[in-house]
């Protein structure tokens, strides 16, 4: 199994990617949320010239904020700087869109986006769909791909983010791989794989688990002997990821009426009451405050053992290795970790020391 690192893009912290490469991480996925972090492509460019082995790409780019040709040209530009080790991850964009008060791209629109994007990142012609339904679209391609402006000669794998059956089906239909939430077990991964496989079959594709790259987003805390799952260190290292699952659940409830998962029932009323103190017109700015970087002081009380364990892989070295081996045996190719910002280097080192090379 490969270990990657998901990075909250920070233009001033390229050393983090450099260190991940030195420690043996295979991929650096630079996150794309314009109103949260630095621009992912500017950060990728700096990382590309400071590294030589680690694979670099978007983790993930957001379809709703950039048209397909813009994203294709951007990642092909990075491919000039990191030829043969550039990849492109893309999703419909929950947080990036919600923090701007907009909904993520709908499944049908995301499918159209991916249909255009695939040829474009290969340097081929695609049809760009205008707004009018049923219109044939406009043929486009990068018309000056030579002289080093972009690089399509080295393939750019397309990894599609999906957290539900339909989006995972699109990953199977269009992608070279899929980015998914961490499955609870190998059996849960098998169910996700079946959703991916069905999407591929519907498009006449037959997928090979050895070549179709599956990556699960999480973070990992290796417990010391006798350490509690809600110790101050655990909260410091994975609290931001755990709270991001709460933020997501609130968005799903607020926008679609979806009931929260059972692990949130003990905090849900108090959490909703806290957010409802903020004006409705600007509440979308508050929901994701600190997103996957740190936990706001008023939210620290919501980091119960159940919330922490739902949002991260927490366990002893042996327990984590057993779970990772179960997932690897089921076919999961990679886990990528997104630690809290202030403890990111410590997590990077501990996971490399205790887990990388052991699965």
Protein backbone atom coordinates (compact mmCIF):
# COMPACT_ATOMS: atom_id res chain seq x y z
CA UNK A 1 0.00 0.00 0.00
CA UNK A 2 1.14 3.52 -0.79
CA UNK A 3 0.98 6.41 1.65
CA UNK A 4 0.24 9.87 0.35
CA UNK A 5 -0.14 13.21 2.03
CA UNK A 6 -3.02 15.61 1.44
CA UNK A 7 -1.83 19.19 1.83
CA UNK A 8 -3.81 22.29 2.73
CA UNK A 9 -2.06 24.31 0.00
CA UNK A 10 0.26 26.83 1.63
CA UNK A 11 2.53 28.89 -0.60
CA UNK A 12 5.00 29.39 2.25
CA UNK A 13 5.33 25.75 3.34
CA UNK A 14 6.83 23.83 0.45
CA UNK A 15 9.25 22.25 2.94
CA UNK A 16 6.35 20.04 4.05
CA UNK A 17 6.13 18.39 0.63
CA UNK A 18 9.92 18.14 0.46
CA UNK A 19 9.94 16.34 3.81
CA UNK A 20 7.13 13.99 2.72
CA UNK A 21 9.23 12.98 -0.29
CA UNK A 22 12.26 12.30 1.90
CA UNK A 23 10.18 10.11 4.24
CA UNK A 24 8.85 7.90 1.45
CA UNK A 25 5.36 9.25 0.82
CA UNK A 26 4.38 8.44 -2.75
CA UNK A 27 1.96 11.29 -3.54
CA UNK A 28 1.34 14.87 -2.46
CA UNK A 29 -2.28 15.89 -3.07
CA UNK A 30 -2.57 19.68 -2.89
CA UNK A 31 -6.06 20.77 -1.93
CA UNK A 32 -8.00 23.33 -3.94
CA UNK A 33 -10.27 25.69 -1.99
CA UNK A 34 -9.90 29.28 -3.09
CA UNK A 35 -11.44 30.92 -0.04
CA UNK A 36 -9.56 28.72 2.43
CA UNK A 37 -5.96 28.20 1.31
CA UNK A 38 -3.29 29.32 -1.16
CA UNK A 39 -3.84 28.65 -4.85
CA UNK A 40 -3.08 24.97 -5.43
CA UNK A 41 -1.39 25.45 -8.81
CA UNK A 42 1.01 28.13 -7.59
CA UNK A 43 1.87 25.85 -4.67
CA UNK A 44 2.28 22.84 -6.95
CA UNK A 45 4.67 24.77 -9.18
CA UNK A 46 6.94 25.55 -6.24
CA UNK A 47 6.73 21.96 -4.99
CA UNK A 48 7.60 20.65 -8.47
CA UNK A 49 10.90 22.52 -8.60
CA UNK A 50 11.84 21.51 -5.04
CA UNK A 51 11.19 17.75 -5.45
CA UNK A 52 12.25 15.00 -7.84
CA UNK A 53 10.40 11.77 -7.00
CA UNK A 54 7.11 12.34 -5.20
CA UNK A 55 4.04 12.43 -7.44
CA UNK A 56 2.29 15.81 -7.43
CA UNK A 57 -1.26 16.80 -8.20
CA UNK A 58 -4.51 18.34 -7.08
CA UNK A 59 -6.22 16.79 -4.10
CA UNK A 60 -8.74 17.56 -5.41
CA UNK A 61 -9.41 20.34 -7.92
CA UNK A 62 -12.93 21.71 -7.86
CA UNK A 63 -15.03 21.44 -11.00
CA UNK A 64 -17.35 24.27 -10.02
CA UNK A 65 -14.70 26.97 -9.71
CA UNK A 66 -12.74 26.47 -12.94
CA UNK A 67 -13.96 25.39 -16.40
CA UNK A 68 -12.51 22.11 -17.66
CA UNK A 69 -10.06 23.74 -20.14
CA UNK A 70 -8.70 26.00 -17.39
CA UNK A 71 -7.98 23.06 -15.09
CA UNK A 72 -6.55 21.04 -18.00
CA UNK A 73 -4.15 23.82 -19.00
CA UNK A 74 -3.13 24.39 -15.37
CA UNK A 75 -2.25 20.76 -14.63
CA UNK A 76 -0.51 20.37 -18.02
CA UNK A 77 1.63 23.35 -17.02
CA UNK A 78 2.64 21.60 -13.79
CA UNK A 79 3.43 18.55 -15.95
CA UNK A 80 6.16 20.61 -17.63
CA UNK A 81 7.84 21.06 -14.26
CA UNK A 82 7.22 17.52 -12.97
CA UNK A 83 7.01 15.38 -16.12
CA UNK A 84 5.78 11.87 -15.56
CA UNK A 85 4.88 12.45 -11.91
CA UNK A 86 1.94 14.82 -12.29
CA UNK A 87 -1.63 13.64 -11.69
CA UNK A 88 -5.01 15.38 -11.64
CA UNK A 89 -7.60 14.78 -8.92
CA UNK A 90 -10.99 16.42 -9.37
CA UNK A 91 -14.30 16.53 -7.51
CA UNK A 92 -17.63 18.32 -7.53
CA UNK A 93 -16.45 20.48 -4.64
CA UNK A 94 -18.36 20.38 -1.37
CA UNK A 95 -16.36 22.63 0.95
CA UNK A 96 -14.87 24.91 -1.72
CA UNK A 97 -18.34 25.71 -3.04
CA UNK A 98 -20.20 25.77 0.29
CA UNK A 99 -17.77 28.24 1.83
CA UNK A 100 -18.76 30.62 -1.00
CA UNK A 101 -22.44 30.00 -0.36
CA UNK A 102 -22.82 27.90 -3.51
CA UNK A 103 -23.87 24.26 -3.97
CA UNK A 104 -21.45 21.67 -5.34
CA UNK A 105 -21.77 20.75 -8.98
CA UNK A 106 -24.68 18.38 -9.63
CA UNK A 107 -23.96 14.86 -10.85
CA UNK A 108 -25.18 15.43 -14.43
CA UNK A 109 -23.10 18.59 -14.78
CA UNK A 110 -20.09 16.84 -13.23
CA UNK A 111 -20.45 14.02 -15.77
CA UNK A 112 -20.44 16.55 -18.63
CA UNK A 113 -17.40 18.21 -17.07
CA UNK A 114 -15.49 14.92 -16.87
CA UNK A 115 -16.43 14.01 -20.42
CA UNK A 116 -14.74 17.19 -21.65
CA UNK A 117 -11.88 17.06 -19.18
CA UNK A 118 -10.58 13.59 -20.08
CA UNK A 119 -9.59 14.41 -23.67
CA UNK A 120 -8.31 17.86 -22.71
CA UNK A 121 -5.73 16.58 -20.22
CA UNK A 122 -4.52 14.23 -22.97
CA UNK A 123 -4.08 17.17 -25.33
CA UNK A 124 -6.98 16.03 -27.46
CA UNK A 125 -10.07 17.81 -28.72
CA UNK A 126 -13.23 17.91 -26.61
CA UNK A 127 -16.66 19.45 -26.87
CA UNK A 128 -17.23 22.30 -24.43
CA UNK A 129 -20.89 22.35 -23.52
CA UNK A 130 -22.55 25.79 -23.56
CA UNK A 131 -25.46 26.61 -21.31
CA UNK A 132 -28.26 25.60 -23.68
CA UNK A 133 -29.46 22.01 -23.07
CA UNK A 134 -29.14 19.75 -26.09
CA UNK A 135 -26.72 21.97 -27.97
CA UNK A 136 -23.84 20.10 -29.64
CA UNK A 137 -21.06 22.00 -27.89
CA UNK A 138 -17.99 23.79 -29.18
CA UNK A 139 -14.88 21.81 -30.21
CA UNK A 140 -11.83 23.00 -28.27
CA UNK A 141 -8.27 21.88 -27.64
CA UNK A 142 -5.00 23.43 -26.53
CA UNK A 143 -3.79 24.92 -29.83
CA UNK A 144 -0.20 25.70 -28.74
CA UNK A 145 0.95 22.60 -26.87
CA UNK A 146 4.53 22.77 -28.09
CA UNK A 147 7.59 24.79 -27.03
CA UNK A 148 7.10 24.03 -23.36
CA UNK A 149 3.91 25.89 -22.59
CA UNK A 150 2.29 22.63 -21.45
CA UNK A 151 3.15 18.94 -21.43
CA UNK A 152 0.72 16.33 -22.72
CA UNK A 153 3.42 13.89 -23.85
CA UNK A 154 3.74 12.46 -20.35
CA UNK A 155 0.33 11.06 -19.34
CA UNK A 156 -1.58 12.80 -16.56
CA UNK A 157 -3.71 10.26 -14.66
CA UNK A 158 -7.25 11.44 -13.87
CA UNK A 159 -8.49 10.60 -10.37
CA UNK A 160 -12.17 11.33 -9.71
CA UNK A 161 -13.38 12.04 -6.19
CA UNK A 162 -16.55 10.26 -5.14
CA UNK A 163 -18.25 9.78 -1.78
CA UNK A 164 -21.56 8.32 -2.98
CA UNK A 165 -22.66 5.64 -5.46
CA UNK A 166 -23.25 8.00 -8.37
CA UNK A 167 -20.00 9.93 -8.07
CA UNK A 168 -18.05 6.69 -7.60
CA UNK A 169 -19.80 5.43 -10.73
CA UNK A 170 -18.44 8.48 -12.57
CA UNK A 171 -14.96 7.61 -11.32
CA UNK A 172 -15.34 4.19 -12.93
CA UNK A 173 -16.75 5.69 -16.11
CA UNK A 174 -14.15 8.41 -16.65
CA UNK A 175 -11.22 8.00 -14.28
CA UNK A 176 -7.88 6.29 -14.05
CA UNK A 177 -8.55 6.10 -10.33
CA UNK A 178 -10.91 7.18 -7.57
CA UNK A 179 -10.58 9.22 -4.39
CA UNK A 180 -12.95 8.11 -1.64
CA UNK A 181 -13.57 8.42 2.05
CA UNK A 182 -11.83 5.88 4.24
CA UNK A 183 -13.74 2.57 4.20
CA UNK A 184 -14.39 1.08 7.62
CA UNK A 185 -13.06 -2.30 6.50
CA UNK A 186 -12.03 -4.36 3.52
CA UNK A 187 -15.65 -5.45 3.09
CA UNK A 188 -16.77 -1.82 2.94
CA UNK A 189 -14.12 -1.15 0.31
CA UNK A 190 -15.45 -4.07 -1.74
CA UNK A 191 -18.87 -2.40 -1.78
CA UNK A 192 -17.33 0.87 -2.98
CA UNK A 193 -15.34 -0.98 -5.61
CA UNK A 194 -18.54 -2.53 -6.92
CA UNK A 195 -20.04 0.95 -7.36
CA UNK A 196 -16.94 2.01 -9.28
CA UNK A 197 -17.02 -1.17 -11.38
CA UNK A 198 -20.68 -0.71 -12.29
CA UNK A 199 -20.00 2.82 -13.50
CA UNK A 200 -17.19 1.52 -15.67
CA UNK A 201 -19.28 -1.34 -17.04
CA UNK A 202 -22.03 1.11 -18.02
CA UNK A 203 -19.48 2.89 -20.21
CA UNK A 204 -18.13 -0.36 -21.66
CA UNK A 205 -14.96 -0.29 -19.55
CA UNK A 206 -13.46 -3.24 -17.68
CA UNK A 207 -11.35 -2.14 -14.70
CA UNK A 208 -8.30 -3.87 -13.27
CA UNK A 209 -7.72 -3.32 -9.55
CA UNK A 210 -3.98 -3.47 -10.15
CA UNK A 211 -4.03 -0.50 -12.51
CA UNK A 212 -7.08 1.51 -11.36
CA UNK A 213 -5.71 3.66 -8.55
CA UNK A 214 -7.94 3.93 -5.44
CA UNK A 215 -7.02 6.41 -2.71
CA UNK A 216 -8.78 6.97 0.62
CA UNK A 217 -8.64 10.29 2.46
CA UNK A 218 -8.12 10.17 6.22
CA UNK A 219 -5.55 11.03 8.82
CA UNK A 220 -3.72 8.69 11.17
CA UNK A 221 -2.72 8.87 14.81
CA UNK A 222 -0.46 6.13 16.20
CA UNK A 223 -1.29 5.74 19.88
CA UNK A 224 1.41 5.42 22.50
CA UNK A 225 1.08 2.50 24.91
CA UNK A 226 -1.91 3.09 27.20
CA UNK A 227 -2.86 6.38 25.51
CA UNK A 228 -6.57 7.27 25.31
CA UNK A 229 -8.22 7.90 21.95
CA UNK A 230 -9.19 11.39 23.16
CA UNK A 231 -5.86 12.40 24.68
CA UNK A 232 -4.70 15.99 24.12
CA UNK A 233 -2.13 14.77 21.59
CA UNK A 234 -4.73 12.83 19.60
CA UNK A 235 -7.04 15.83 19.52
CA UNK A 236 -4.17 18.05 18.40
CA UNK A 237 -3.16 15.71 15.60
CA UNK A 238 -6.53 14.74 14.11
CA UNK A 239 -9.13 17.07 15.65
CA UNK A 240 -9.38 19.21 12.52
CA UNK A 241 -10.18 16.22 10.30
CA UNK A 242 -12.71 14.97 12.86
CA UNK A 243 -14.47 18.34 12.99
CA UNK A 244 -14.55 18.48 9.20
CA UNK A 245 -16.84 15.43 9.28
CA UNK A 246 -19.15 17.35 11.61
CA UNK A 247 -19.09 20.38 9.30
CA UNK A 248 -20.02 18.15 6.37
CA UNK A 249 -22.87 16.53 8.29
CA UNK A 250 -24.26 19.96 9.15
CA UNK A 251 -24.15 21.02 5.49
CA UNK A 252 -26.00 17.84 4.51
CA UNK A 253 -28.64 18.48 7.16
CA UNK A 254 -28.95 22.19 6.42
CA UNK A 255 -29.23 21.81 2.65
CA UNK A 256 -30.92 18.44 2.18
CA UNK A 257 -32.47 17.53 5.52
CA UNK A 258 -30.21 14.47 5.92
CA UNK A 259 -30.13 13.28 9.51
CA UNK A 260 -26.69 13.19 11.15
CA UNK A 261 -24.95 9.84 11.69
CA UNK A 262 -25.49 8.21 15.03
CA UNK A 263 -22.06 9.12 16.37
CA UNK A 264 -23.09 12.81 16.30
CA UNK A 265 -26.37 12.51 18.18
CA UNK A 266 -24.79 13.31 21.53
CA UNK A 267 -23.46 16.67 20.31
CA UNK A 268 -25.90 17.55 17.54
CA UNK A 269 -28.35 19.79 19.38
CA UNK A 270 -25.63 21.82 21.06
CA UNK A 271 -23.60 22.06 17.86
CA UNK A 272 -26.57 23.29 15.80
CA UNK A 273 -27.50 25.81 18.51
CA UNK A 274 -23.95 27.19 18.40
CA UNK A 275 -24.04 27.69 14.63
CA UNK A 276 -27.50 29.20 14.72
CA UNK A 277 -26.11 32.10 16.72
CA UNK A 278 -24.45 33.25 13.50
CA UNK A 279 -26.47 35.26 10.95
CA UNK A 280 -27.99 33.03 8.29
CA UNK A 281 -26.66 35.24 5.47
CA UNK A 282 -23.05 34.59 6.55
CA UNK A 283 -23.34 31.24 8.27
CA UNK A 284 -21.73 29.48 5.30
CA UNK A 285 -18.51 31.33 6.19
CA UNK A 286 -18.61 30.07 9.77
CA UNK A 287 -19.46 26.39 9.18
CA UNK A 288 -16.08 25.50 7.71
CA UNK A 289 -13.91 27.85 9.76
CA UNK A 290 -10.59 26.15 10.50
CA UNK A 291 -11.41 23.48 7.92
CA UNK A 292 -8.97 20.57 8.14
CA UNK A 293 -6.33 22.84 9.70
CA UNK A 294 -7.35 23.58 13.28
CA UNK A 295 -10.27 23.36 15.69
CA UNK A 296 -11.90 26.56 16.89
CA UNK A 297 -11.93 26.92 20.65
CA UNK A 298 -15.72 26.86 20.83
CA UNK A 299 -15.77 23.56 18.92
CA UNK A 300 -13.23 21.67 21.02
CA UNK A 301 -15.96 20.32 23.30
CA UNK A 302 -17.41 18.38 20.36
CA UNK A 303 -14.31 16.20 19.96
CA UNK A 304 -15.74 13.16 21.69
CA UNK A 305 -14.03 9.77 21.34
CA UNK A 306 -16.76 8.75 18.87
CA UNK A 307 -16.26 11.84 16.69
CA UNK A 308 -12.48 11.44 16.73
CA UNK A 309 -12.61 7.78 15.73
CA UNK A 310 -15.13 8.48 12.97
CA UNK A 311 -12.92 11.18 11.49
CA UNK A 312 -9.53 9.48 11.63
CA UNK A 313 -7.63 6.22 11.95
CA UNK A 314 -6.58 6.07 15.60
CA UNK A 315 -4.94 3.04 17.13
CA UNK A 316 -1.80 1.31 18.24
CA UNK A 317 0.78 0.52 15.61
CA UNK A 318 -0.29 -3.13 15.48
CA UNK A 319 -4.00 -2.31 15.28
CA UNK A 320 -3.42 0.21 12.49
CA UNK A 321 -1.27 -2.22 10.53
CA UNK A 322 -3.97 -4.88 10.79
CA UNK A 323 -6.62 -2.47 9.49
CA UNK A 324 -4.40 -1.22 6.69
CA UNK A 325 -3.52 -4.76 5.63
CA UNK A 326 -7.23 -5.63 5.53
CA UNK A 327 -7.86 -2.66 3.23
CA UNK A 328 -4.85 -3.45 1.07
CA UNK A 329 -5.96 -7.07 0.70
CA UNK A 330 -9.35 -5.84 -0.48
CA UNK A 331 -7.66 -3.74 -3.17
CA UNK A 332 -7.22 -0.24 -1.74
CA UNK A 333 -4.03 1.15 -3.28
CA UNK A 334 -3.32 4.19 -1.11
CA UNK A 335 -4.26 6.12 1.99
CA UNK A 336 -3.53 9.83 2.06
CA UNK A 337 -3.33 11.63 5.38
CA UNK A 338 -4.38 15.19 6.17
CA UNK A 339 -3.17 15.99 9.71
CA UNK A 340 -4.06 19.13 11.63
CA UNK A 341 -1.93 22.07 10.50
CA UNK A 342 0.08 22.76 13.66
CA UNK A 343 1.01 19.10 14.18
CA UNK A 344 1.45 18.11 10.53
CA UNK A 345 5.19 17.52 10.68
CA UNK A 346 4.96 15.33 13.79
CA UNK A 347 2.26 13.18 12.19
CA UNK A 348 4.23 12.93 8.95
CA UNK A 349 7.25 11.61 10.85
CA UNK A 350 5.34 9.19 13.10
CA UNK A 351 3.36 7.59 10.28
CA UNK A 352 6.53 7.20 8.22
CA UNK A 353 8.41 5.65 11.12
CA UNK A 354 5.73 3.22 12.26
CA UNK A 355 3.69 2.37 9.14
CA UNK A 356 5.27 3.17 5.79
CA UNK A 357 6.85 0.08 4.30
CA UNK A 358 5.01 -2.25 6.69
CA UNK A 359 1.84 -2.86 4.62
